[in-house]
Amino acid sequence: MTLLNAVEGKEYIIQDIITDDEELNSFLFSLGCYSGEPITVVSRRNTGCVISVKDARYTIDKQLAEAIIV
């Protein structure tokens, strides 16, 4: 399932990042989003969601959330 379908407040482990865009892959990696890393959806917004990774919070759009498989 993608991060868009994840339950708010529940911790998941990132299984894979699926995107053909190398720049997007690099950006997610710089945030700490890579396979095996715990991730939590803190809240949802119209344009995407707020996530918690490595004790930091980020707002990501729907395109990024769909690329993260948990």
PDB file of N, CA and C in Angstrom:
ATOM      1  N   MET A   1       0.851  -1.182   0.000  1.00  0.00           N
ATOM      2  CA  MET A   1       0.000   0.000   0.000  1.00  0.00           C
ATOM      3  C   MET A   1       0.892   1.238   0.000  1.00  0.00           C
ATOM      4  N   THR A   2       0.373   2.330  -0.499  1.00  0.00           N
ATOM      5  CA  THR A   2       1.141   3.570  -0.532  1.00  0.00           C
ATOM      6  C   THR A   2       0.891   4.372   0.742  1.00  0.00           C
ATOM      7  N   LEU A   3       1.668   5.392   0.926  1.00  0.00           N
ATOM      8  CA  LEU A   3       1.528   6.250   2.102  1.00  0.00           C
ATOM      9  C   LEU A   3       0.185   6.974   2.110  1.00  0.00           C
ATOM     10  N   LEU A   4      -0.428   7.173   0.945  1.00  0.00           N
ATOM     11  CA  LEU A   4      -1.745   7.824   0.885  1.00  0.00           C
ATOM     12  C   LEU A   4      -2.820   6.997   1.582  1.00  0.00           C
ATOM     13  N   ASN A   5      -2.642   5.677   1.617  1.00  0.00           N
ATOM     14  CA  ASN A   5      -3.619   4.787   2.233  1.00  0.00           C
ATOM     15  C   ASN A   5      -3.284   4.458   3.683  1.00  0.00           C
ATOM     16  N   ALA A   6      -2.178   4.959   4.192  1.00  0.00           N
ATOM     17  CA  ALA A   6      -1.739   4.643   5.551  1.00  0.00           C
ATOM     18  C   ALA A   6      -2.647   5.307   6.587  1.00  0.00           C
ATOM     19  N   VAL A   7      -2.764   4.660   7.740  1.00  0.00           N
ATOM     20  CA  VAL A   7      -3.567   5.171   8.847  1.00  0.00           C
ATOM     21  C   VAL A   7      -2.758   6.220   9.611  1.00  0.00           C
ATOM     22  N   GLU A   8      -3.397   7.335   9.917  1.00  0.00           N
ATOM     23  CA  GLU A   8      -2.721   8.394  10.671  1.00  0.00           C
ATOM     24  C   GLU A   8      -2.297   7.883  12.045  1.00  0.00           C
ATOM     25  N   GLY A   9      -1.078   8.222  12.446  1.00  0.00           N
ATOM     26  CA  GLY A   9      -0.585   7.883  13.773  1.00  0.00           C
ATOM     27  C   GLY A   9       0.033   6.500  13.889  1.00  0.00           C
ATOM     28  N   LYS A  10      -0.089   5.662  12.881  1.00  0.00           N
ATOM     29  CA  LYS A  10       0.479   4.320  12.923  1.00  0.00           C
ATOM     30  C   LYS A  10       1.843   4.319  12.238  1.00  0.00           C
ATOM     31  N   GLU A  11       2.821   3.665  12.878  1.00  0.00           N
ATOM     32  CA  GLU A  11       4.164   3.601  12.299  1.00  0.00           C
ATOM     33  C   GLU A  11       4.245   2.463  11.284  1.00  0.00           C
ATOM     34  N   TYR A  12       4.827   2.757  10.148  1.00  0.00           N
ATOM     35  CA  TYR A  12       5.027   1.781   9.081  1.00  0.00           C
ATOM     36  C   TYR A  12       6.513   1.716   8.749  1.00  0.00           C
ATOM     37  N   ILE A  13       6.905   0.658   8.078  1.00  0.00           N
ATOM     38  CA  ILE A  13       8.269   0.525   7.578  1.00  0.00           C
ATOM     39  C   ILE A  13       8.211   0.707   6.063  1.00  0.00           C
ATOM     40  N   ILE A  14       9.071   1.562   5.540  1.00  0.00           N
ATOM     41  CA  ILE A  14       9.117   1.794   4.097  1.00  0.00           C
ATOM     42  C   ILE A  14       9.642   0.531   3.413  1.00  0.00           C
ATOM     43  N   GLN A  15       8.854   0.000   2.489  1.00  0.00           N
ATOM     44  CA  GLN A  15       9.236  -1.202   1.744  1.00  0.00           C
ATOM     45  C   GLN A  15       9.985  -0.849   0.461  1.00  0.00           C
ATOM     46  N   ASP A  16       9.546   0.235  -0.188  1.00  0.00           N
ATOM     47  CA  ASP A  16      10.134   0.580  -1.480  1.00  0.00           C
ATOM     48  C   ASP A  16       9.751   2.009  -1.853  1.00  0.00           C
ATOM     49  N   ILE A  17      10.536   2.598  -2.723  1.00  0.00           N
ATOM     50  CA  ILE A  17      10.222   3.896  -3.321  1.00  0.00           C
ATOM     51  C   ILE A  17      10.078   3.635  -4.815  1.00  0.00           C
ATOM     52  N   ILE A  18       8.887   3.881  -5.354  1.00  0.00           N
ATOM     53  CA  ILE A  18       8.640   3.584  -6.768  1.00  0.00           C
ATOM     54  C   ILE A  18       8.432   4.890  -7.531  1.00  0.00           C
ATOM     55  N   THR A  19       9.462   5.258  -8.277  1.00  0.00           N
ATOM     56  CA  THR A  19       9.401   6.443  -9.129  1.00  0.00           C
ATOM     57  C   THR A  19      10.470   6.327 -10.213  1.00  0.00           C
ATOM     58  N   ASP A  20      10.188   6.868 -11.374  1.00  0.00           N
ATOM     59  CA  ASP A  20      11.154   6.882 -12.473  1.00  0.00           C
ATOM     60  C   ASP A  20      12.010   8.142 -12.445  1.00  0.00           C
ATOM     61  N   ASP A  21      11.671   9.072 -11.581  1.00  0.00           N
ATOM     62  CA  ASP A  21      12.353  10.360 -11.505  1.00  0.00           C
ATOM     63  C   ASP A  21      13.527  10.271 -10.513  1.00  0.00           C
ATOM     64  N   GLU A  22      14.739  10.315 -11.022  1.00  0.00           N
ATOM     65  CA  GLU A  22      15.934  10.202 -10.172  1.00  0.00           C
ATOM     66  C   GLU A  22      16.056  11.367  -9.194  1.00  0.00           C
ATOM     67  N   GLU A  23      15.625  12.554  -9.620  1.00  0.00           N
ATOM     68  CA  GLU A  23      15.657  13.727  -8.736  1.00  0.00           C
ATOM     69  C   GLU A  23      14.710  13.530  -7.550  1.00  0.00           C
ATOM     70  N   LEU A  24      13.548  12.952  -7.802  1.00  0.00           N
ATOM     71  CA  LEU A  24      12.581  12.650  -6.746  1.00  0.00           C
ATOM     72  C   LEU A  24      13.151  11.605  -5.783  1.00  0.00           C
ATOM     73  N   ASN A  25      13.803  10.583  -6.321  1.00  0.00           N
ATOM     74  CA  ASN A  25      14.456   9.583  -5.482  1.00  0.00           C
ATOM     75  C   ASN A  25      15.501  10.215  -4.566  1.00  0.00           C
ATOM     76  N   SER A  26      16.316  11.087  -5.128  1.00  0.00           N
ATOM     77  CA  SER A  26      17.360  11.759  -4.348  1.00  0.00           C
ATOM     78  C   SER A  26      16.761  12.637  -3.264  1.00  0.00           C
ATOM     79  N   PHE A  27      15.672  13.329  -3.583  1.00  0.00           N
ATOM     80  CA  PHE A  27      15.017  14.198  -2.613  1.00  0.00           C
ATOM     81  C   PHE A  27      14.473  13.377  -1.435  1.00  0.00           C
ATOM     82  N   LEU A  28      13.763  12.290  -1.742  1.00  0.00           N
ATOM     83  CA  LEU A  28      13.217  11.440  -0.687  1.00  0.00           C
ATOM     84  C   LEU A  28      14.335  10.840   0.170  1.00  0.00           C
ATOM     85  N   PHE A  29      15.427  10.431  -0.464  1.00  0.00           N
ATOM     86  CA  PHE A  29      16.559   9.885   0.282  1.00  0.00           C
ATOM     87  C   PHE A  29      17.141  10.925   1.226  1.00  0.00           C
ATOM     88  N   SER A  30      17.206  12.183   0.773  1.00  0.00           N
ATOM     89  CA  SER A  30      17.747  13.254   1.620  1.00  0.00           C
ATOM     90  C   SER A  30      16.855  13.522   2.839  1.00  0.00           C
ATOM     91  N   LEU A  31      15.551  13.201   2.729  1.00  0.00           N
ATOM     92  CA  LEU A  31      14.639  13.334   3.865  1.00  0.00           C
ATOM     93  C   LEU A  31      14.749  12.152   4.817  1.00  0.00           C
ATOM     94  N   GLY A  32      15.394  11.090   4.374  1.00  0.00           N
ATOM     95  CA  GLY A  32      15.485   9.880   5.188  1.00  0.00           C
ATOM     96  C   GLY A  32      14.476   8.830   4.790  1.00  0.00           C
ATOM     97  N   CYS A  33      13.857   8.991   3.635  1.00  0.00           N
ATOM     98  CA  CYS A  33      12.855   8.028   3.149  1.00  0.00           C
ATOM     99  C   CYS A  33      13.532   7.008   2.250  1.00  0.00           C
ATOM    100  N   TYR A  34      13.850   5.847   2.813  1.00  0.00           N
ATOM    101  CA  TYR A  34      14.411   4.749   2.033  1.00  0.00           C
ATOM    102  C   TYR A  34      13.998   3.433   2.671  1.00  0.00           C
ATOM    103  N   SER A  35      14.160   2.351   1.967  1.00  0.00           N
ATOM    104  CA  SER A  35      13.694   1.036   2.414  1.00  0.00           C
ATOM    105  C   SER A  35      14.218   0.691   3.799  1.00  0.00           C
ATOM    106  N   GLY A  36      13.301   0.186   4.639  1.00  0.00           N
ATOM    107  CA  GLY A  36      13.660  -0.229   5.991  1.00  0.00           C
ATOM    108  C   GLY A  36      13.506   0.847   7.042  1.00  0.00           C
ATOM    109  N   GLU A  37      13.231   2.061   6.636  1.00  0.00           N
ATOM    110  CA  GLU A  37      13.122   3.189   7.575  1.00  0.00           C
ATOM    111  C   GLU A  37      11.685   3.319   8.094  1.00  0.00           C
ATOM    112  N   PRO A  38      11.507   3.511   9.410  1.00  0.00           N
ATOM    113  CA  PRO A  38      10.156   3.740   9.948  1.00  0.00           C
ATOM    114  C   PRO A  38       9.614   5.105   9.509  1.00  0.00           C
ATOM    115  N   ILE A  39       8.309   5.156   9.231  1.00  0.00           N
ATOM    116  CA  ILE A  39       7.656   6.393   8.813  1.00  0.00           C
ATOM    117  C   ILE A  39       6.244   6.416   9.391  1.00  0.00           C
ATOM    118  N   THR A  40       5.777   7.602   9.768  1.00  0.00           N
ATOM    119  CA  THR A  40       4.441   7.763  10.336  1.00  0.00           C
ATOM    120  C   THR A  40       3.731   8.910   9.632  1.00  0.00           C
ATOM    121  N   VAL A  41       2.451   8.690   9.273  1.00  0.00           N
ATOM    122  CA  VAL A  41       1.629   9.775   8.742  1.00  0.00           C
ATOM    123  C   VAL A  41       1.045  10.503   9.950  1.00  0.00           C
ATOM    124  N   VAL A  42       1.430  11.757  10.143  1.00  0.00           N
ATOM    125  CA  VAL A  42       0.970  12.544  11.282  1.00  0.00           C
ATOM    126  C   VAL A  42      -0.427  13.085  11.026  1.00  0.00           C
ATOM    127  N   SER A  43      -0.641  13.647   9.831  1.00  0.00           N
ATOM    128  CA  SER A  43      -1.965  14.167   9.470  1.00  0.00           C
ATOM    129  C   SER A  43      -2.099  14.248   7.957  1.00  0.00           C
ATOM    130  N   ARG A  44      -3.328  14.384   7.506  1.00  0.00           N
ATOM    131  CA  ARG A  44      -3.614  14.505   6.074  1.00  0.00           C
ATOM    132  C   ARG A  44      -4.086  15.928   5.757  1.00  0.00           C
ATOM    133  N   ARG A  45      -3.774  16.354   4.549  1.00  0.00           N
ATOM    134  CA  ARG A  45      -4.211  17.652   4.055  1.00  0.00           C
ATOM    135  C   ARG A  45      -4.765  17.459   2.661  1.00  0.00           C
ATOM    136  N   ASN A  46      -5.405  18.477   2.130  1.00  0.00           N
ATOM    137  CA  ASN A  46      -5.969  18.381   0.779  1.00  0.00           C
ATOM    138  C   ASN A  46      -4.895  18.117  -0.274  1.00  0.00           C
ATOM    139  N   THR A  47      -3.731  18.689  -0.082  1.00  0.00           N
ATOM    140  CA  THR A  47      -2.675  18.574  -1.077  1.00  0.00           C
ATOM    141  C   THR A  47      -1.711  17.430  -0.820  1.00  0.00           C
ATOM    142  N   GLY A  48      -1.813  16.746   0.312  1.00  0.00           N
ATOM    143  CA  GLY A  48      -0.888  15.664   0.635  1.00  0.00           C
ATOM    144  C   GLY A  48      -0.995  15.268   2.093  1.00  0.00           C
ATOM    145  N   CYS A  49       0.160  15.066   2.721  1.00  0.00           N
ATOM    146  CA  CYS A  49       0.133  14.693   4.133  1.00  0.00           C
ATOM    147  C   CYS A  49       1.411  15.137   4.845  1.00  0.00           C
ATOM    148  N   VAL A  50       1.329  15.153   6.167  1.00  0.00           N
ATOM    149  CA  VAL A  50       2.474  15.459   7.020  1.00  0.00           C
ATOM    150  C   VAL A  50       3.003  14.126   7.527  1.00  0.00           C
ATOM    151  N   ILE A  51       4.318  13.916   7.338  1.00  0.00           N
ATOM    152  CA  ILE A  51       4.926  12.661   7.761  1.00  0.00           C
ATOM    153  C   ILE A  51       6.009  12.923   8.803  1.00  0.00           C
ATOM    154  N   SER A  52       6.308  11.898   9.559  1.00  0.00           N
ATOM    155  CA  SER A  52       7.392  11.946  10.531  1.00  0.00           C
ATOM    156  C   SER A  52       8.401  10.869  10.164  1.00  0.00           C
ATOM    157  N   VAL A  53       9.646  11.300   9.914  1.00  0.00           N
ATOM    158  CA  VAL A  53      10.749  10.402   9.578  1.00  0.00           C
ATOM    159  C   VAL A  53      11.978  10.873  10.333  1.00  0.00           C
ATOM    160  N   LYS A  54      12.646   9.957  11.039  1.00  0.00           N
ATOM    161  CA  LYS A  54      13.889  10.292  11.743  1.00  0.00           C
ATOM    162  C   LYS A  54      13.725  11.513  12.649  1.00  0.00           C
ATOM    163  N   ASP A  55      12.691  11.545  13.461  1.00  0.00           N
ATOM    164  CA  ASP A  55      12.435  12.630  14.422  1.00  0.00           C
ATOM    165  C   ASP A  55      12.261  13.996  13.768  1.00  0.00           C
ATOM    166  N   ALA A  56      11.860  14.027  12.505  1.00  0.00           N
ATOM    167  CA  ALA A  56      11.575  15.289  11.805  1.00  0.00           C
ATOM    168  C   ALA A  56      10.223  15.155  11.115  1.00  0.00           C
ATOM    169  N   ARG A  57       9.560  16.286  10.911  1.00  0.00           N
ATOM    170  CA  ARG A  57       8.262  16.294  10.227  1.00  0.00           C
ATOM    171  C   ARG A  57       8.385  17.042   8.919  1.00  0.00           C
ATOM    172  N   TYR A  58       7.733  16.487   7.897  1.00  0.00           N
ATOM    173  CA  TYR A  58       7.747  17.079   6.571  1.00  0.00           C
ATOM    174  C   TYR A  58       6.338  17.048   5.988  1.00  0.00           C
ATOM    175  N   THR A  59       6.020  18.030   5.172  1.00  0.00           N
ATOM    176  CA  THR A  59       4.785  18.020   4.410  1.00  0.00           C
ATOM    177  C   THR A  59       5.139  17.584   2.997  1.00  0.00           C
ATOM    178  N   ILE A  60       4.492  16.520   2.542  1.00  0.00           N
ATOM    179  CA  ILE A  60       4.751  16.031   1.189  1.00  0.00           C
ATOM    180  C   ILE A  60       3.450  16.046   0.397  1.00  0.00           C
ATOM    181  N   ASP A  61       3.583  16.186  -0.923  1.00  0.00           N
ATOM    182  CA  ASP A  61       2.386  16.217  -1.758  1.00  0.00           C
ATOM    183  C   ASP A  61       1.939  14.794  -2.108  1.00  0.00           C
ATOM    184  N   LYS A  62       0.819  14.699  -2.807  1.00  0.00           N
ATOM    185  CA  LYS A  62       0.247  13.387  -3.129  1.00  0.00           C
ATOM    186  C   LYS A  62       1.167  12.564  -4.024  1.00  0.00           C
ATOM    187  N   GLN A  63       1.877  13.219  -4.926  1.00  0.00           N
ATOM    188  CA  GLN A  63       2.792  12.494  -5.832  1.00  0.00           C
ATOM    189  C   GLN A  63       3.886  11.785  -5.030  1.00  0.00           C
ATOM    190  N   LEU A  64       4.452  12.476  -4.052  1.00  0.00           N
ATOM    191  CA  LEU A  64       5.476  11.858  -3.216  1.00  0.00           C
ATOM    192  C   LEU A  64       4.890  10.746  -2.358  1.00  0.00           C
ATOM    193  N   ALA A  65       3.708  10.978  -1.799  1.00  0.00           N
ATOM    194  CA  ALA A  65       3.073   9.974  -0.945  1.00  0.00           C
ATOM    195  C   ALA A  65       2.750   8.706  -1.733  1.00  0.00           C
ATOM    196  N   GLU A  66       2.389   8.844  -2.995  1.00  0.00           N
ATOM    197  CA  GLU A  66       2.085   7.686  -3.815  1.00  0.00           C
ATOM    198  C   GLU A  66       3.338   6.903  -4.187  1.00  0.00           C
ATOM    199  N   ALA A  67       4.492   7.542  -4.167  1.00  0.00           N
ATOM    200  CA  ALA A  67       5.746   6.872  -4.524  1.00  0.00           C
ATOM    201  C   ALA A  67       6.305   6.033  -3.381  1.00  0.00           C
ATOM    202  N   ILE A  68       5.844   6.284  -2.155  1.00  0.00           N
ATOM    203  CA  ILE A  68       6.367   5.578  -0.977  1.00  0.00           C
ATOM    204  C   ILE A  68       5.465   4.388  -0.659  1.00  0.00           C
ATOM    205  N   ILE A  69       6.042   3.193  -0.759  1.00  0.00           N
ATOM    206  CA  ILE A  69       5.318   1.947  -0.490  1.00  0.00           C
ATOM    207  C   ILE A  69       5.663   1.487   0.930  1.00  0.00           C
ATOM    208  N   VAL A  70       4.599   1.249   1.730  1.00  0.00           N
ATOM    209  CA  VAL A  70       4.805   0.786   3.116  1.00  0.00           C
ATOM    210  C   VAL A  70       4.185  -0.589   3.303  1.00  0.00           C
TER     211      VAL A  70
END
